[in-house]
Amino acid sequence: MDLIRARVALRERSLLDVTDLAVRFCAANAGAYARLSLVVLVPALAASWLAARAGGWFAGWAVAIATAAFADAPFLALASRLVFADEARARDALRAAAGALPRLAAVRIVQAVALAMSALLLFLPWLWVGGVLLFLPEVVVLEQASVGAAWARAQRVAQAHLGVAVAAMMLLALMAAGSALLADTAGRELLENLLEVKPPHSVFDGGVSGLALLGFWLTLPLRATIRFFVYLDVRTRTEGWDIQTRFAALAARGA
């Protein structure tokens, strides 16, 4: 990553500022995100919906959550290119994510096992485990770390500011659940009262609905971008990226 060419200001930010930046960033690059979403989100939504129809709500959400663990990688690669590269194309982001897929699959499986084991201890270690492993996708996809090195590297990045990582993890989990519930509730109201169309069953009745799955998937690009900007914020705090960019700007101005 060439810090000098970054298209966003690299400085310490609160989690609220990071979220606001991610929303504005996604809006400013809506075309690139939309093109990538057509390739990634439409098949993912269809797969989770078919799983729900065939196996019930548990199968639907299991497929959605498992697929989302890999489907956010292209958006992570796209966000990185939009910030640091001269040219950012959806095909390049897909290619980068596909190249990292075997390593990402390996670390995601072990991550899932670690989080599941924390449930046996009444979720007491869950916050710590989830926090220190939050940036595994960034380390694997962007830093191209190997499976073994990714664990140590992700822990070093997160533990430098563990409170920020844990807060971001909780925010992203709440966003995923909240977007599904909001889409289900608002979508049913829109279909029933405004369009006068019979809405599908509520997520509270069957455990899953097409509207809830739609809301879950539509916010995936934003959630991936928020996590990426939190990763940038943590590295900025730890490695002094803001100071480096200021000195580089002063040097360029003097030259």
C-alpha atoms as a PDB file:
ATOM      1  CA  MET A   1       0.000   0.000   0.000  1.00  0.00           C
ATOM      2  CA  ASP A   2       1.406   3.341  -1.094  1.00  0.00           C
ATOM      3  CA  LEU A   3       0.449   5.677   1.734  1.00  0.00           C
ATOM      4  CA  ILE A   4       1.300   8.796  -0.244  1.00  0.00           C
ATOM      5  CA  ARG A   5      -1.313   7.998  -2.885  1.00  0.00           C
ATOM      6  CA  ALA A   6      -4.107   7.279  -0.410  1.00  0.00           C
ATOM      7  CA  ARG A   7      -7.394   8.915  -1.394  1.00  0.00           C
ATOM      8  CA  VAL A   8      -8.550   9.248   2.216  1.00  0.00           C
ATOM      9  CA  ALA A   9      -6.854  11.098   5.031  1.00  0.00           C
ATOM     10  CA  LEU A  10      -4.872   8.646   7.159  1.00  0.00           C
ATOM     11  CA  ARG A  11      -5.423   9.870  10.711  1.00  0.00           C
ATOM     12  CA  GLU A  12      -6.763   8.550  13.977  1.00  0.00           C
ATOM     13  CA  ARG A  13     -10.554   8.303  13.911  1.00  0.00           C
ATOM     14  CA  SER A  14     -13.261   7.223  16.294  1.00  0.00           C
ATOM     15  CA  LEU A  15     -15.406   4.235  15.330  1.00  0.00           C
ATOM     16  CA  LEU A  16     -18.269   6.617  14.535  1.00  0.00           C
ATOM     17  CA  ASP A  17     -15.999   8.627  12.218  1.00  0.00           C
ATOM     18  CA  VAL A  18     -14.815   5.434  10.536  1.00  0.00           C
ATOM     19  CA  THR A  19     -18.409   4.340   9.939  1.00  0.00           C
ATOM     20  CA  ASP A  20     -19.332   7.732   8.516  1.00  0.00           C
ATOM     21  CA  LEU A  21     -16.276   7.644   6.244  1.00  0.00           C
ATOM     22  CA  ALA A  22     -17.183   4.148   5.020  1.00  0.00           C
ATOM     23  CA  VAL A  23     -20.756   5.203   4.195  1.00  0.00           C
ATOM     24  CA  ARG A  24     -19.559   8.245   2.237  1.00  0.00           C
ATOM     25  CA  PHE A  25     -16.854   6.176   0.543  1.00  0.00           C
ATOM     26  CA  CYS A  26     -19.353   3.555  -0.633  1.00  0.00           C
ATOM     27  CA  ALA A  27     -21.698   6.280  -1.887  1.00  0.00           C
ATOM     28  CA  ALA A  28     -18.890   8.028  -3.774  1.00  0.00           C
ATOM     29  CA  ASN A  29     -17.897   4.736  -5.448  1.00  0.00           C
ATOM     30  CA  ALA A  30     -21.411   3.360  -5.879  1.00  0.00           C
ATOM     31  CA  GLY A  31     -20.814   2.316  -9.491  1.00  0.00           C
ATOM     32  CA  ALA A  32     -17.848   0.093  -8.704  1.00  0.00           C
ATOM     33  CA  TYR A  33     -19.620  -1.423  -5.701  1.00  0.00           C
ATOM     34  CA  ALA A  34     -22.784  -2.041  -7.731  1.00  0.00           C
ATOM     35  CA  ARG A  35     -20.919  -3.868 -10.500  1.00  0.00           C
ATOM     36  CA  LEU A  36     -19.140  -6.081  -8.008  1.00  0.00           C
ATOM     37  CA  SER A  37     -22.375  -6.683  -6.089  1.00  0.00           C
ATOM     38  CA  LEU A  38     -24.082  -8.046  -9.205  1.00  0.00           C
ATOM     39  CA  VAL A  39     -21.379 -10.679  -9.520  1.00  0.00           C
ATOM     40  CA  VAL A  40     -21.026 -11.567  -5.830  1.00  0.00           C
ATOM     41  CA  LEU A  41     -24.244 -10.779  -3.965  1.00  0.00           C
ATOM     42  CA  VAL A  42     -26.874 -12.015  -6.414  1.00  0.00           C
ATOM     43  CA  PRO A  43     -25.578 -15.630  -6.450  1.00  0.00           C
ATOM     44  CA  ALA A  44     -24.998 -15.513  -2.684  1.00  0.00           C
ATOM     45  CA  LEU A  45     -28.552 -14.320  -2.036  1.00  0.00           C
ATOM     46  CA  ALA A  46     -29.956 -16.989  -4.342  1.00  0.00           C
ATOM     47  CA  ALA A  47     -27.925 -19.737  -2.655  1.00  0.00           C
ATOM     48  CA  SER A  48     -29.013 -18.764   0.857  1.00  0.00           C
ATOM     49  CA  TRP A  49     -32.646 -18.389  -0.207  1.00  0.00           C
ATOM     50  CA  LEU A  50     -32.683 -21.817  -1.884  1.00  0.00           C
ATOM     51  CA  ALA A  51     -31.066 -23.340   1.205  1.00  0.00           C
ATOM     52  CA  ALA A  52     -33.781 -21.783   3.374  1.00  0.00           C
ATOM     53  CA  ARG A  53     -36.516 -23.108   1.111  1.00  0.00           C
ATOM     54  CA  ALA A  54     -35.007 -26.599   1.094  1.00  0.00           C
ATOM     55  CA  GLY A  55     -33.757 -26.966   4.656  1.00  0.00           C
ATOM     56  CA  GLY A  56     -35.551 -24.349   6.763  1.00  0.00           C
ATOM     57  CA  TRP A  57     -34.361 -21.245   8.562  1.00  0.00           C
ATOM     58  CA  PHE A  58     -31.286 -22.866  10.119  1.00  0.00           C
ATOM     59  CA  ALA A  59     -29.952 -24.008   6.740  1.00  0.00           C
ATOM     60  CA  GLY A  60     -30.694 -20.631   5.172  1.00  0.00           C
ATOM     61  CA  TRP A  61     -28.831 -18.608   7.771  1.00  0.00           C
ATOM     62  CA  ALA A  62     -26.019 -21.160   7.996  1.00  0.00           C
ATOM     63  CA  VAL A  63     -25.391 -20.858   4.262  1.00  0.00           C
ATOM     64  CA  ALA A  64     -25.691 -17.057   4.415  1.00  0.00           C
ATOM     65  CA  ILE A  65     -23.221 -16.659   7.284  1.00  0.00           C
ATOM     66  CA  ALA A  66     -20.761 -19.192   5.866  1.00  0.00           C
ATOM     67  CA  THR A  67     -20.883 -17.627   2.407  1.00  0.00           C
ATOM     68  CA  ALA A  68     -20.536 -14.102   3.799  1.00  0.00           C
ATOM     69  CA  ALA A  69     -17.229 -15.108   5.398  1.00  0.00           C
ATOM     70  CA  PHE A  70     -15.804 -15.355   1.864  1.00  0.00           C
ATOM     71  CA  ALA A  71     -18.076 -13.035  -0.116  1.00  0.00           C
ATOM     72  CA  ASP A  72     -16.701  -9.943   1.628  1.00  0.00           C
ATOM     73  CA  ALA A  73     -13.177 -10.583   0.289  1.00  0.00           C
ATOM     74  CA  PRO A  74     -13.823  -9.046  -3.173  1.00  0.00           C
ATOM     75  CA  PHE A  75     -15.257  -5.900  -1.567  1.00  0.00           C
ATOM     76  CA  LEU A  76     -12.236  -5.706   0.712  1.00  0.00           C
ATOM     77  CA  ALA A  77      -9.931  -5.923  -2.307  1.00  0.00           C
ATOM     78  CA  LEU A  78     -12.012  -3.327  -4.162  1.00  0.00           C
ATOM     79  CA  ALA A  79     -11.950  -0.879  -1.234  1.00  0.00           C
ATOM     80  CA  SER A  80      -8.180  -1.228  -0.956  1.00  0.00           C
ATOM     81  CA  ARG A  81      -7.723  -0.511  -4.653  1.00  0.00           C
ATOM     82  CA  LEU A  82     -10.093   2.447  -4.544  1.00  0.00           C
ATOM     83  CA  VAL A  83      -8.022   3.946  -1.730  1.00  0.00           C
ATOM     84  CA  PHE A  84      -4.472   3.193  -2.876  1.00  0.00           C
ATOM     85  CA  ALA A  85      -4.416   2.254  -6.575  1.00  0.00           C
ATOM     86  CA  ASP A  86      -4.679   4.422  -9.665  1.00  0.00           C
ATOM     87  CA  GLU A  87      -7.247   2.084 -11.208  1.00  0.00           C
ATOM     88  CA  ALA A  88      -9.851  -0.075  -9.464  1.00  0.00           C
ATOM     89  CA  ARG A  89     -11.877  -2.576 -11.474  1.00  0.00           C
ATOM     90  CA  ALA A  90     -14.297  -5.211 -10.263  1.00  0.00           C
ATOM     91  CA  ARG A  91     -12.513  -7.937 -12.212  1.00  0.00           C
ATOM     92  CA  ASP A  92      -9.205  -7.147 -10.493  1.00  0.00           C
ATOM     93  CA  ALA A  93     -10.861  -7.286  -7.077  1.00  0.00           C
ATOM     94  CA  LEU A  94     -12.450 -10.639  -7.950  1.00  0.00           C
ATOM     95  CA  ARG A  95      -9.124 -11.980  -9.182  1.00  0.00           C
ATOM     96  CA  ALA A  96      -7.328 -10.910  -6.001  1.00  0.00           C
ATOM     97  CA  ALA A  97     -10.028 -12.448  -3.804  1.00  0.00           C
ATOM     98  CA  ALA A  98     -10.016 -15.680  -5.813  1.00  0.00           C
ATOM     99  CA  GLY A  99      -6.249 -15.965  -5.436  1.00  0.00           C
ATOM    100  CA  ALA A 100      -6.538 -15.643  -1.665  1.00  0.00           C
ATOM    101  CA  LEU A 101      -9.548 -17.963  -1.379  1.00  0.00           C
ATOM    102  CA  PRO A 102      -7.720 -21.194  -0.370  1.00  0.00           C
ATOM    103  CA  ARG A 103      -5.786 -19.423   2.397  1.00  0.00           C
ATOM    104  CA  LEU A 104      -8.874 -17.489   3.472  1.00  0.00           C
ATOM    105  CA  ALA A 105     -10.894 -20.705   3.641  1.00  0.00           C
ATOM    106  CA  ALA A 106      -8.282 -22.329   5.872  1.00  0.00           C
ATOM    107  CA  VAL A 107      -8.100 -19.452   8.350  1.00  0.00           C
ATOM    108  CA  ARG A 108     -11.873 -18.962   8.354  1.00  0.00           C
ATOM    109  CA  ILE A 109     -12.464 -22.619   9.253  1.00  0.00           C
ATOM    110  CA  VAL A 110     -10.048 -22.461  12.177  1.00  0.00           C
ATOM    111  CA  GLN A 111     -11.556 -19.120  13.211  1.00  0.00           C
ATOM    112  CA  ALA A 112     -15.029 -20.686  13.253  1.00  0.00           C
ATOM    113  CA  VAL A 113     -13.752 -23.563  15.404  1.00  0.00           C
ATOM    114  CA  ALA A 114     -12.146 -21.114  17.846  1.00  0.00           C
ATOM    115  CA  LEU A 115     -15.348 -19.092  18.150  1.00  0.00           C
ATOM    116  CA  ALA A 116     -17.415 -22.266  18.575  1.00  0.00           C
ATOM    117  CA  MET A 117     -15.121 -23.472  21.348  1.00  0.00           C
ATOM    118  CA  SER A 118     -15.576 -20.162  23.137  1.00  0.00           C
ATOM    119  CA  ALA A 119     -19.301 -20.911  23.264  1.00  0.00           C
ATOM    120  CA  LEU A 120     -18.537 -23.910  25.484  1.00  0.00           C
ATOM    121  CA  LEU A 121     -17.175 -21.451  28.059  1.00  0.00           C
ATOM    122  CA  LEU A 122     -20.371 -19.385  28.127  1.00  0.00           C
ATOM    123  CA  PHE A 123     -18.971 -17.020  25.475  1.00  0.00           C
ATOM    124  CA  LEU A 124     -16.570 -15.455  27.984  1.00  0.00           C
ATOM    125  CA  PRO A 125     -13.546 -15.650  25.612  1.00  0.00           C
ATOM    126  CA  TRP A 126     -15.716 -14.812  22.580  1.00  0.00           C
ATOM    127  CA  LEU A 127     -15.032 -11.082  22.666  1.00  0.00           C
ATOM    128  CA  TRP A 128     -11.286 -11.612  22.912  1.00  0.00           C
ATOM    129  CA  VAL A 129     -11.139 -14.338  20.246  1.00  0.00           C
ATOM    130  CA  GLY A 130     -13.397 -12.407  17.886  1.00  0.00           C
ATOM    131  CA  GLY A 131     -11.458  -9.197  18.438  1.00  0.00           C
ATOM    132  CA  VAL A 132      -7.948 -10.544  17.902  1.00  0.00           C
ATOM    133  CA  LEU A 133      -9.012 -12.434  14.772  1.00  0.00           C
ATOM    134  CA  LEU A 134     -11.132  -9.628  13.291  1.00  0.00           C
ATOM    135  CA  PHE A 135      -8.568  -8.625  10.656  1.00  0.00           C
ATOM    136  CA  LEU A 136      -7.790 -12.083   9.287  1.00  0.00           C
ATOM    137  CA  PRO A 137      -9.339 -11.245   5.873  1.00  0.00           C
ATOM    138  CA  GLU A 138      -7.286  -8.052   5.575  1.00  0.00           C
ATOM    139  CA  VAL A 139      -4.077  -9.875   6.455  1.00  0.00           C
ATOM    140  CA  VAL A 140      -4.766 -12.739   4.037  1.00  0.00           C
ATOM    141  CA  VAL A 141      -6.175 -10.764   1.093  1.00  0.00           C
ATOM    142  CA  LEU A 142      -4.263  -7.478   1.309  1.00  0.00           C
ATOM    143  CA  GLU A 143      -0.983  -8.494   2.940  1.00  0.00           C
ATOM    144  CA  GLN A 144      -0.994 -11.905   1.184  1.00  0.00           C
ATOM    145  CA  ALA A 145       0.110 -13.651   4.355  1.00  0.00           C
ATOM    146  CA  SER A 146       0.362 -17.424   4.511  1.00  0.00           C
ATOM    147  CA  VAL A 147      -2.036 -19.422   6.662  1.00  0.00           C
ATOM    148  CA  GLY A 148       0.411 -19.757   9.538  1.00  0.00           C
ATOM    149  CA  ALA A 149       1.669 -16.188   9.398  1.00  0.00           C
ATOM    150  CA  ALA A 150      -1.851 -14.764   9.105  1.00  0.00           C
ATOM    151  CA  TRP A 151      -2.756 -15.787  12.635  1.00  0.00           C
ATOM    152  CA  ALA A 152       0.229 -14.120  14.256  1.00  0.00           C
ATOM    153  CA  ARG A 153      -0.045 -11.031  12.058  1.00  0.00           C
ATOM    154  CA  ALA A 154      -3.802 -10.567  12.655  1.00  0.00           C
ATOM    155  CA  GLN A 155      -3.299 -10.865  16.407  1.00  0.00           C
ATOM    156  CA  ARG A 156      -0.496  -8.299  16.401  1.00  0.00           C
ATOM    157  CA  VAL A 157      -2.600  -5.802  14.459  1.00  0.00           C
ATOM    158  CA  ALA A 158      -5.709  -6.244  16.618  1.00  0.00           C
ATOM    159  CA  GLN A 159      -3.987  -6.446  19.998  1.00  0.00           C
ATOM    160  CA  ALA A 160      -2.300  -3.101  19.416  1.00  0.00           C
ATOM    161  CA  HIS A 161      -5.757  -1.546  19.914  1.00  0.00           C
ATOM    162  CA  LEU A 162      -7.909  -4.427  21.084  1.00  0.00           C
ATOM    163  CA  GLY A 163     -10.698  -2.190  22.372  1.00  0.00           C
ATOM    164  CA  VAL A 164     -11.167  -0.705  18.903  1.00  0.00           C
ATOM    165  CA  ALA A 165     -11.201  -4.164  17.312  1.00  0.00           C
ATOM    166  CA  VAL A 166     -13.751  -5.541  19.789  1.00  0.00           C
ATOM    167  CA  ALA A 167     -16.006  -2.496  19.379  1.00  0.00           C
ATOM    168  CA  ALA A 168     -15.820  -2.843  15.598  1.00  0.00           C
ATOM    169  CA  MET A 169     -16.635  -6.546  15.788  1.00  0.00           C
ATOM    170  CA  MET A 170     -19.725  -5.865  17.899  1.00  0.00           C
ATOM    171  CA  LEU A 171     -20.820  -3.043  15.594  1.00  0.00           C
ATOM    172  CA  LEU A 172     -20.530  -5.256  12.517  1.00  0.00           C
ATOM    173  CA  ALA A 173     -22.470  -8.070  14.208  1.00  0.00           C
ATOM    174  CA  LEU A 174     -25.232  -5.655  15.189  1.00  0.00           C
ATOM    175  CA  MET A 175     -25.314  -4.234  11.661  1.00  0.00           C
ATOM    176  CA  ALA A 176     -25.715  -7.685  10.147  1.00  0.00           C
ATOM    177  CA  ALA A 177     -28.572  -8.627  12.476  1.00  0.00           C
ATOM    178  CA  GLY A 178     -30.164  -5.174  12.429  1.00  0.00           C
ATOM    179  CA  SER A 179     -30.154  -4.868   8.645  1.00  0.00           C
ATOM    180  CA  ALA A 180     -31.902  -8.231   8.316  1.00  0.00           C
ATOM    181  CA  LEU A 181     -34.596  -7.275  10.844  1.00  0.00           C
ATOM    182  CA  LEU A 182     -35.037  -3.788   9.396  1.00  0.00           C
ATOM    183  CA  ALA A 183     -35.338  -5.062   5.830  1.00  0.00           C
ATOM    184  CA  ASP A 184     -37.889  -7.638   6.915  1.00  0.00           C
ATOM    185  CA  THR A 185     -40.021  -5.146   8.873  1.00  0.00           C
ATOM    186  CA  ALA A 186     -39.772  -2.199   6.477  1.00  0.00           C
ATOM    187  CA  GLY A 187     -40.116  -4.419   3.405  1.00  0.00           C
ATOM    188  CA  ARG A 188     -43.284  -6.022   4.704  1.00  0.00           C
ATOM    189  CA  GLU A 189     -44.784  -2.621   5.492  1.00  0.00           C
ATOM    190  CA  LEU A 190     -43.884  -1.338   2.022  1.00  0.00           C
ATOM    191  CA  LEU A 191     -45.351  -4.331   0.232  1.00  0.00           C
ATOM    192  CA  GLU A 192     -48.512  -4.502   2.314  1.00  0.00           C
ATOM    193  CA  ASN A 193     -49.458  -0.852   2.814  1.00  0.00           C
ATOM    194  CA  LEU A 194     -47.947   0.985  -0.132  1.00  0.00           C
ATOM    195  CA  LEU A 195     -47.887  -1.535  -2.963  1.00  0.00           C
ATOM    196  CA  GLU A 196     -50.826  -3.581  -1.604  1.00  0.00           C
ATOM    197  CA  VAL A 197     -48.983  -6.819  -2.246  1.00  0.00           C
ATOM    198  CA  LYS A 198     -49.196  -9.758   0.111  1.00  0.00           C
ATOM    199  CA  PRO A 199     -45.836  -9.798   1.933  1.00  0.00           C
ATOM    200  CA  PRO A 200     -43.904 -12.979   2.687  1.00  0.00           C
ATOM    201  CA  HIS A 201     -43.894 -14.501   6.144  1.00  0.00           C
ATOM    202  CA  SER A 202     -42.102 -12.487   8.781  1.00  0.00           C
ATOM    203  CA  VAL A 203     -38.690 -13.561   9.973  1.00  0.00           C
ATOM    204  CA  PHE A 204     -40.270 -13.865  13.443  1.00  0.00           C
ATOM    205  CA  ASP A 205     -42.684 -16.496  12.114  1.00  0.00           C
ATOM    206  CA  GLY A 206     -40.423 -18.738  10.097  1.00  0.00           C
ATOM    207  CA  GLY A 207     -36.965 -17.737  11.284  1.00  0.00           C
ATOM    208  CA  VAL A 208     -35.943 -16.581   7.815  1.00  0.00           C
ATOM    209  CA  SER A 209     -37.465 -14.589   4.988  1.00  0.00           C
ATOM    210  CA  GLY A 210     -36.367 -13.373   1.601  1.00  0.00           C
ATOM    211  CA  LEU A 211     -36.550  -9.778   2.825  1.00  0.00           C
ATOM    212  CA  ALA A 212     -34.323 -10.505   5.822  1.00  0.00           C
ATOM    213  CA  LEU A 213     -31.768 -12.257   3.635  1.00  0.00           C
ATOM    214  CA  LEU A 214     -31.889  -9.341   1.201  1.00  0.00           C
ATOM    215  CA  GLY A 215     -31.140  -6.868   3.986  1.00  0.00           C
ATOM    216  CA  PHE A 216     -28.312  -9.041   5.281  1.00  0.00           C
ATOM    217  CA  TRP A 217     -26.639  -9.223   1.881  1.00  0.00           C
ATOM    218  CA  LEU A 218     -27.208  -5.612   0.827  1.00  0.00           C
ATOM    219  CA  THR A 219     -25.178  -4.318   3.765  1.00  0.00           C
ATOM    220  CA  LEU A 220     -22.286  -6.746   3.245  1.00  0.00           C
ATOM    221  CA  PRO A 221     -20.245  -4.307   1.085  1.00  0.00           C
ATOM    222  CA  LEU A 222     -20.626  -1.585   3.714  1.00  0.00           C
ATOM    223  CA  ARG A 223     -19.675  -3.941   6.541  1.00  0.00           C
ATOM    224  CA  ALA A 224     -16.570  -5.070   4.653  1.00  0.00           C
ATOM    225  CA  THR A 225     -15.612  -1.445   3.985  1.00  0.00           C
ATOM    226  CA  ILE A 226     -16.086  -0.453   7.620  1.00  0.00           C
ATOM    227  CA  ARG A 227     -13.828  -3.298   8.762  1.00  0.00           C
ATOM    228  CA  PHE A 228     -11.223  -2.287   6.176  1.00  0.00           C
ATOM    229  CA  PHE A 229     -11.214   1.319   7.400  1.00  0.00           C
ATOM    230  CA  VAL A 230     -10.969   0.147  11.018  1.00  0.00           C
ATOM    231  CA  TYR A 231      -7.950  -1.893   9.926  1.00  0.00           C
ATOM    232  CA  LEU A 232      -6.443   1.237   8.345  1.00  0.00           C
ATOM    233  CA  ASP A 233      -7.203   3.208  11.515  1.00  0.00           C
ATOM    234  CA  VAL A 234      -5.511   0.645  13.755  1.00  0.00           C
ATOM    235  CA  ARG A 235      -2.420   0.537  11.554  1.00  0.00           C
ATOM    236  CA  THR A 236      -2.373   4.328  11.406  1.00  0.00           C
ATOM    237  CA  ARG A 237      -2.391   4.498  15.211  1.00  0.00           C
ATOM    238  CA  THR A 238       0.233   1.772  15.570  1.00  0.00           C
ATOM    239  CA  GLU A 239       2.632   2.623  12.757  1.00  0.00           C
ATOM    240  CA  GLY A 240       2.225   6.388  12.612  1.00  0.00           C
ATOM    241  CA  TRP A 241       0.901   6.500   9.061  1.00  0.00           C
ATOM    242  CA  ASP A 242      -0.519   9.985   9.637  1.00  0.00           C
ATOM    243  CA  ILE A 243       2.935  11.296  10.556  1.00  0.00           C
ATOM    244  CA  GLN A 244       4.538   9.559   7.583  1.00  0.00           C
ATOM    245  CA  THR A 245       2.084  11.088   5.127  1.00  0.00           C
ATOM    246  CA  ARG A 246       2.536  14.560   6.627  1.00  0.00           C
ATOM    247  CA  PHE A 247       6.319  14.387   6.333  1.00  0.00           C
ATOM    248  CA  ALA A 248       6.005  13.085   2.769  1.00  0.00           C
ATOM    249  CA  ALA A 249       3.669  15.947   1.894  1.00  0.00           C
ATOM    250  CA  LEU A 250       6.100  18.462   3.405  1.00  0.00           C
ATOM    251  CA  ALA A 251       8.986  16.916   1.486  1.00  0.00           C
ATOM    252  CA  ALA A 252       7.031  17.005  -1.769  1.00  0.00           C
ATOM    253  CA  ARG A 253       6.055  20.610  -1.151  1.00  0.00           C
ATOM    254  CA  GLY A 254       9.665  21.566  -0.472  1.00  0.00           C
ATOM    255  CA  ALA A 255      10.847  19.785  -3.619  1.00  0.00           C
END
